[in-house]
Amino acid sequence: MPKVSSLIVPYTSYLRVYEPLAAFPEAERRHWARYAEQAERLSYQDELRRSLAGLLSTPPVVVPVRESEDAFVAEVDGAVCVCPWRTRLRSWQALEELDGRLAPSVLDTVVPPVVRRQSEADYERWLARHPDARPWIRSATWHVPLNWFVLVSDAERRYEPRTESVPPMLRYRTPMVEARRRVARGLRTLKETLDEGPLLDGLFDVGRWLEEFHPRSLVELDYGGLVHALPGAALDADHSAADVAEGMEALRVGDGEGAGEAYARLVERWRAVRERQSAN
């Protein structure tokens, strides 16, 4: 196993789906059952460090040669559920998104055109053999997309402050059936009260993604590395899921002022996080 640095990467949040073993083909099910019995597993920080290390090589390795055999593991009502990393697939998808996020000169410096062309050709060939492939993990940098908070409730929030030996953690976990129900209710509210926009489009996209998984799955919204970029007091006071729920309910009953107040709290909170992006 490659040596992993202790460097903390502070800017990525995650939306994950943990599926029960029964959702996987038999051979893969056996692999994940054995994997879940291991005493020691890697973290999201380990995966991110490996990806960043690849970018520093010459030429940069933007997509792993082989797919990861690692996963996150959770227990749901006594049943083992796994969230495969699928790092190779997610790296291809992230590379596609870079084209619209970085200036051409910056993109060519970070990932030379010849490397991009080769990766794109590899992805097209792979996708032709795996047309139904989808990731179990979505990620965002320097923020948590507001549409993700629609999937969870404040009662499902779990915050653990930093200790001498344990890093801080802020996450939400909810059953798939609850996440889908909230998406449907949120879409109905937004369609009735707002014109088309990024919140509606994002929620529709997330809802369509959730439909691809087993109904007894677990959905997790994890602040991930963002907990290392924010002071403990800010994390402790962060109840963004409650603010989103309040804003959605205000929209539903026609309370524009209440919806505006909830949205203002969210904008102010996440502006402080976004400012750290420009400072790096």
Foldseek 3Di string as FASTA:
>chain_A
DDDFDPDFDFWKWKKFKWAFLVQDPPVLSVLVVVVVPDPDADDPRRVVRVQVVQLPDVPRDQADPDFDSGWDWDADPNTITTFGPRRRVVSLVVLVVVVVVDDPVVNCVSHNPVNNVVSVVVVVVVCVVVVPDDHRMDMDTLDDDLLVLLQFALVQWDWDDDDPVDHIWIKGKDQLVSSLVSLVLLLVLCVVQHDDDDSNVVSVVVNVVSVVGDNRMMIMTISRSNSVVDDPVLRVPDRLSHLSVQLSVCSNVVNPVSNVVSVVVVCVSSVVSVVVVVVD
